[in-house]
Amino acid sequence: MKASFGPDSYERSSFLTNGVADLMTSLAVIFMLLFAAYVTRVEDGNANPDLNRTAPLDPKPRLDPLHPKLEAKGPSVLTATIPDSALNFEFGKSTLLPPAETFLSEVIPHYATIVCGPGGPDVEAFVIEGYTDDLGDDVRNLRLSQDRSFVVLAKSLEIIREKLPWAYECFLQKATANGRGRQNLLRNDTGHLDREKSRRVIFQIHMRPR
């Protein structure tokens, strides 16, 4: 039997395509709302009963980039880009500077509550990706970005063990770290390479497929 591709089939195809796009947008909006709710609950100490027995979180962090914007990347991935100015290292090394440790100490408990809190079953993975600029040898940059991403993960686990011990094992199982070197270099509004913005760490929250 020959397949029919009349106007009705095109209309049905268009309807399905638009429906999937609307669903993806709705899921992203819902998750962002959940994120805001979880952050509020963490600040109030109510996300988990054990939070009341851990170190209190600062509801008014001192660092402006503490709440990096979450952006939807597809139907099941949310990303937050952390600039080098907030999460910085010694030049050419994988040693976190004190401001970066302070930043992680304030922001990681919020992410841990998303990954392992009431909505945790819907979260498949928390991925830390490190990026460098284009200066220097590519192989060295790749290793440097890998080392830095692992240092961020290790420091995050230390913080969670201290502040949210109930989330430690869960976060350990879901968190991974990757180095991307100079991949996906960023450019400014004029199209020129922006090395400062290219040096960054990206947090990714992967949702389980429905």
Protein backbone atom coordinates (compact mmCIF):
# COMPACT_ATOMS: atom_id res chain seq x y z
CA MET A 1 0.00 0.00 0.00
CA LYS A 2 1.35 3.43 -0.94
CA ALA A 3 1.77 5.92 1.89
CA SER A 4 -0.37 9.00 1.62
CA PHE A 5 1.18 12.40 2.29
CA GLY A 6 -1.75 14.71 1.79
CA PRO A 7 -2.41 18.01 3.59
CA ASP A 8 -3.85 16.18 6.60
CA SER A 9 -0.60 14.27 7.20
CA TYR A 10 1.46 17.45 7.04
CA GLU A 11 -0.90 19.13 9.49
CA ARG A 12 -0.62 16.16 11.88
CA SER A 13 3.20 16.22 11.56
CA SER A 14 3.28 19.95 12.26
CA PHE A 15 0.98 19.48 15.24
CA LEU A 16 3.23 16.76 16.72
CA THR A 17 6.41 18.81 16.16
CA ASN A 18 4.92 21.87 17.83
CA GLY A 19 3.60 19.72 20.66
CA VAL A 20 7.06 18.26 21.39
CA ALA A 21 8.63 21.73 21.34
CA ASP A 22 5.98 23.05 23.71
CA LEU A 23 6.54 20.07 26.05
CA MET A 24 10.32 20.68 26.11
CA THR A 25 9.78 24.35 26.93
CA SER A 26 7.28 23.50 29.65
CA LEU A 27 9.64 20.96 31.26
CA ALA A 28 12.46 23.53 31.32
CA VAL A 29 10.21 26.16 32.92
CA ILE A 30 8.90 23.67 35.50
CA PHE A 31 12.40 22.56 36.45
CA MET A 32 13.59 26.16 36.84
CA LEU A 33 10.65 26.82 39.14
CA LEU A 34 11.56 23.70 41.13
CA PHE A 35 15.15 24.95 41.32
CA ALA A 36 14.00 28.24 42.82
CA ALA A 37 11.78 26.37 45.28
CA TYR A 38 14.63 24.06 46.35
CA VAL A 39 17.00 27.00 46.87
CA THR A 40 14.39 28.69 49.06
CA ARG A 41 13.88 25.49 51.07
CA VAL A 42 17.63 25.08 51.54
CA GLU A 43 17.92 28.63 52.80
CA ASP A 44 15.07 27.97 55.23
CA GLY A 45 16.70 24.69 56.33
CA ASN A 46 13.63 22.62 55.35
CA ALA A 47 14.72 20.71 52.26
CA ASN A 48 15.70 17.73 54.42
CA PRO A 49 15.32 17.20 58.19
CA ASP A 50 19.06 16.62 58.49
CA LEU A 51 19.74 20.15 57.24
CA ASN A 52 18.72 21.44 60.65
CA ARG A 53 21.71 19.59 62.11
CA THR A 54 24.27 20.87 59.60
CA ALA A 55 26.04 24.17 59.14
CA PRO A 56 23.51 26.87 58.11
CA LEU A 57 23.66 28.22 54.58
CA ASP A 58 24.11 31.92 53.93
CA PRO A 59 20.84 33.21 52.40
CA LYS A 60 22.60 36.36 51.19
CA PRO A 61 25.90 35.21 49.64
CA ARG A 62 28.65 37.74 49.22
CA LEU A 63 29.46 36.81 45.62
CA ASP A 64 27.38 38.21 42.77
CA PRO A 65 27.73 35.12 40.53
CA LEU A 66 26.39 32.82 43.25
CA HIS A 67 23.18 32.24 41.33
CA PRO A 68 24.37 31.67 37.75
CA LYS A 69 21.54 31.55 35.26
CA LEU A 70 20.27 28.07 34.45
CA GLU A 71 19.62 27.57 30.75
CA ALA A 72 17.85 24.68 29.06
CA LYS A 73 20.01 22.76 26.58
CA GLY A 74 17.54 20.37 25.02
CA PRO A 75 14.62 18.69 26.75
CA SER A 76 16.56 17.08 29.58
CA VAL A 77 19.70 19.14 30.31
CA LEU A 78 20.07 22.38 32.26
CA THR A 79 23.40 24.21 32.35
CA ALA A 80 24.94 27.00 34.42
CA THR A 81 28.16 28.64 33.22
CA ILE A 82 30.54 29.69 36.01
CA PRO A 83 33.00 32.37 34.84
CA ASP A 84 36.69 32.30 35.63
CA SER A 85 36.20 35.39 37.81
CA ALA A 86 34.07 33.36 40.24
CA LEU A 87 35.71 29.95 40.03
CA ASN A 88 39.38 30.75 39.54
CA PHE A 89 42.68 28.88 39.82
CA GLU A 90 46.36 29.65 40.11
CA PHE A 91 47.69 30.52 36.67
CA GLY A 92 48.47 27.39 34.69
CA LYS A 93 47.62 25.17 37.67
CA SER A 94 44.67 23.28 39.10
CA THR A 95 44.89 24.85 42.56
CA LEU A 96 41.70 26.64 43.62
CA LEU A 97 42.17 30.19 44.86
CA PRO A 98 40.48 31.16 48.18
CA PRO A 99 37.61 33.12 46.49
CA ALA A 100 36.81 30.04 44.41
CA GLU A 101 36.66 27.86 47.52
CA THR A 102 34.29 30.37 49.12
CA PHE A 103 32.15 30.38 45.99
CA LEU A 104 31.87 26.59 45.96
CA SER A 105 31.15 26.50 49.68
CA GLU A 106 28.13 28.72 49.12
CA VAL A 107 26.76 27.41 45.83
CA ILE A 108 27.36 23.65 45.86
CA PRO A 109 24.91 22.86 48.71
CA HIS A 110 22.12 24.37 46.59
CA TYR A 111 22.97 22.11 43.65
CA ALA A 112 23.37 19.10 45.93
CA THR A 113 19.85 19.69 47.23
CA ILE A 114 18.50 19.69 43.68
CA VAL A 115 20.41 16.55 42.73
CA CYS A 116 19.70 14.59 45.89
CA GLY A 117 16.70 16.30 47.51
CA PRO A 118 12.98 15.64 46.98
CA GLY A 119 13.33 15.95 43.20
CA GLY A 120 16.49 13.84 43.13
CA PRO A 121 14.90 10.75 41.54
CA ASP A 122 14.30 12.83 38.41
CA VAL A 123 17.99 13.81 38.19
CA GLU A 124 20.25 11.36 36.39
CA ALA A 125 23.62 13.13 36.66
CA PHE A 126 25.45 16.27 37.73
CA VAL A 127 28.31 16.98 35.33
CA ILE A 128 31.21 19.39 35.87
CA GLU A 129 32.98 20.47 32.67
CA GLY A 130 36.20 22.52 32.62
CA TYR A 131 37.34 24.70 29.70
CA THR A 132 40.51 26.67 28.95
CA ASP A 133 41.36 29.38 26.43
CA ASP A 134 43.41 28.77 23.26
CA LEU A 135 46.78 29.75 24.68
CA GLY A 136 49.39 27.01 25.06
CA ASP A 137 49.62 23.41 23.94
CA ASP A 138 46.33 21.63 23.25
CA VAL A 139 47.29 18.45 25.11
CA ARG A 140 48.40 20.44 28.14
CA ASN A 141 45.19 22.48 28.09
CA LEU A 142 43.13 19.31 27.92
CA ARG A 143 44.95 17.85 30.93
CA LEU A 144 44.70 21.15 32.80
CA SER A 145 40.94 21.41 32.24
CA GLN A 146 40.52 17.79 33.33
CA ASP A 147 42.55 18.36 36.50
CA ARG A 148 40.60 21.52 37.31
CA SER A 149 37.22 19.86 36.85
CA PHE A 150 38.29 17.01 39.17
CA VAL A 151 39.50 19.52 41.76
CA VAL A 152 36.09 21.23 41.65
CA LEU A 153 34.39 17.86 42.12
CA ALA A 154 36.68 16.88 45.01
CA LYS A 155 36.16 20.22 46.75
CA SER A 156 32.40 19.94 46.20
CA LEU A 157 32.35 16.54 47.87
CA GLU A 158 34.27 17.93 50.85
CA ILE A 159 31.72 20.72 51.20
CA ILE A 160 28.75 18.38 50.92
CA ARG A 161 30.20 15.97 53.47
CA GLU A 162 30.50 18.88 55.91
CA LYS A 163 27.27 20.78 55.21
CA LEU A 164 24.86 18.18 53.80
CA PRO A 165 26.10 14.75 54.93
CA TRP A 166 22.76 13.16 54.01
CA ALA A 167 23.43 14.03 50.34
CA TYR A 168 27.06 12.86 50.18
CA GLU A 169 26.63 9.30 48.88
CA CYS A 170 23.95 10.33 46.40
CA PHE A 171 26.06 13.20 45.01
CA LEU A 172 29.12 10.96 44.82
CA GLN A 173 27.18 8.50 42.63
CA LYS A 174 25.67 11.13 40.33
CA ALA A 175 28.53 13.60 39.90
CA THR A 176 31.18 13.35 37.16
CA ALA A 177 33.97 15.67 35.97
CA ASN A 178 35.26 16.19 32.43
CA GLY A 179 37.93 18.38 30.84
CA ARG A 180 37.26 19.93 27.42
CA GLY A 181 40.42 21.97 26.90
CA ARG A 182 39.91 24.73 24.34
CA GLN A 183 36.76 23.23 22.83
CA ASN A 184 33.85 25.61 22.24
CA LEU A 185 35.82 28.84 22.56
CA LEU A 186 33.58 31.85 23.22
CA ARG A 187 33.50 35.10 21.25
CA ASN A 188 32.42 38.62 22.15
CA ASP A 189 29.74 40.73 20.48
CA THR A 190 32.15 41.79 17.71
CA GLY A 191 33.03 38.19 16.85
CA HIS A 192 36.53 38.26 18.34
CA LEU A 193 37.79 35.48 20.59
CA ASP A 194 37.07 36.16 24.27
CA ARG A 195 39.73 34.29 26.22
CA GLU A 196 38.47 35.39 29.62
CA LYS A 197 34.97 34.03 29.00
CA SER A 198 36.39 30.90 27.38
CA ARG A 199 38.07 30.00 30.68
CA ARG A 200 35.06 28.66 32.52
CA VAL A 201 33.41 25.77 34.33
CA ILE A 202 29.97 24.52 33.34
CA PHE A 203 27.60 22.71 35.69
CA GLN A 204 25.12 20.45 33.91
CA ILE A 205 22.02 18.86 35.44
CA HIS A 206 20.85 15.87 33.38
CA MET A 207 17.26 14.81 33.92
CA ARG A 208 16.11 11.22 33.49
CA PRO A 209 14.24 10.63 30.22
CA ARG A 210 10.50 10.36 30.59
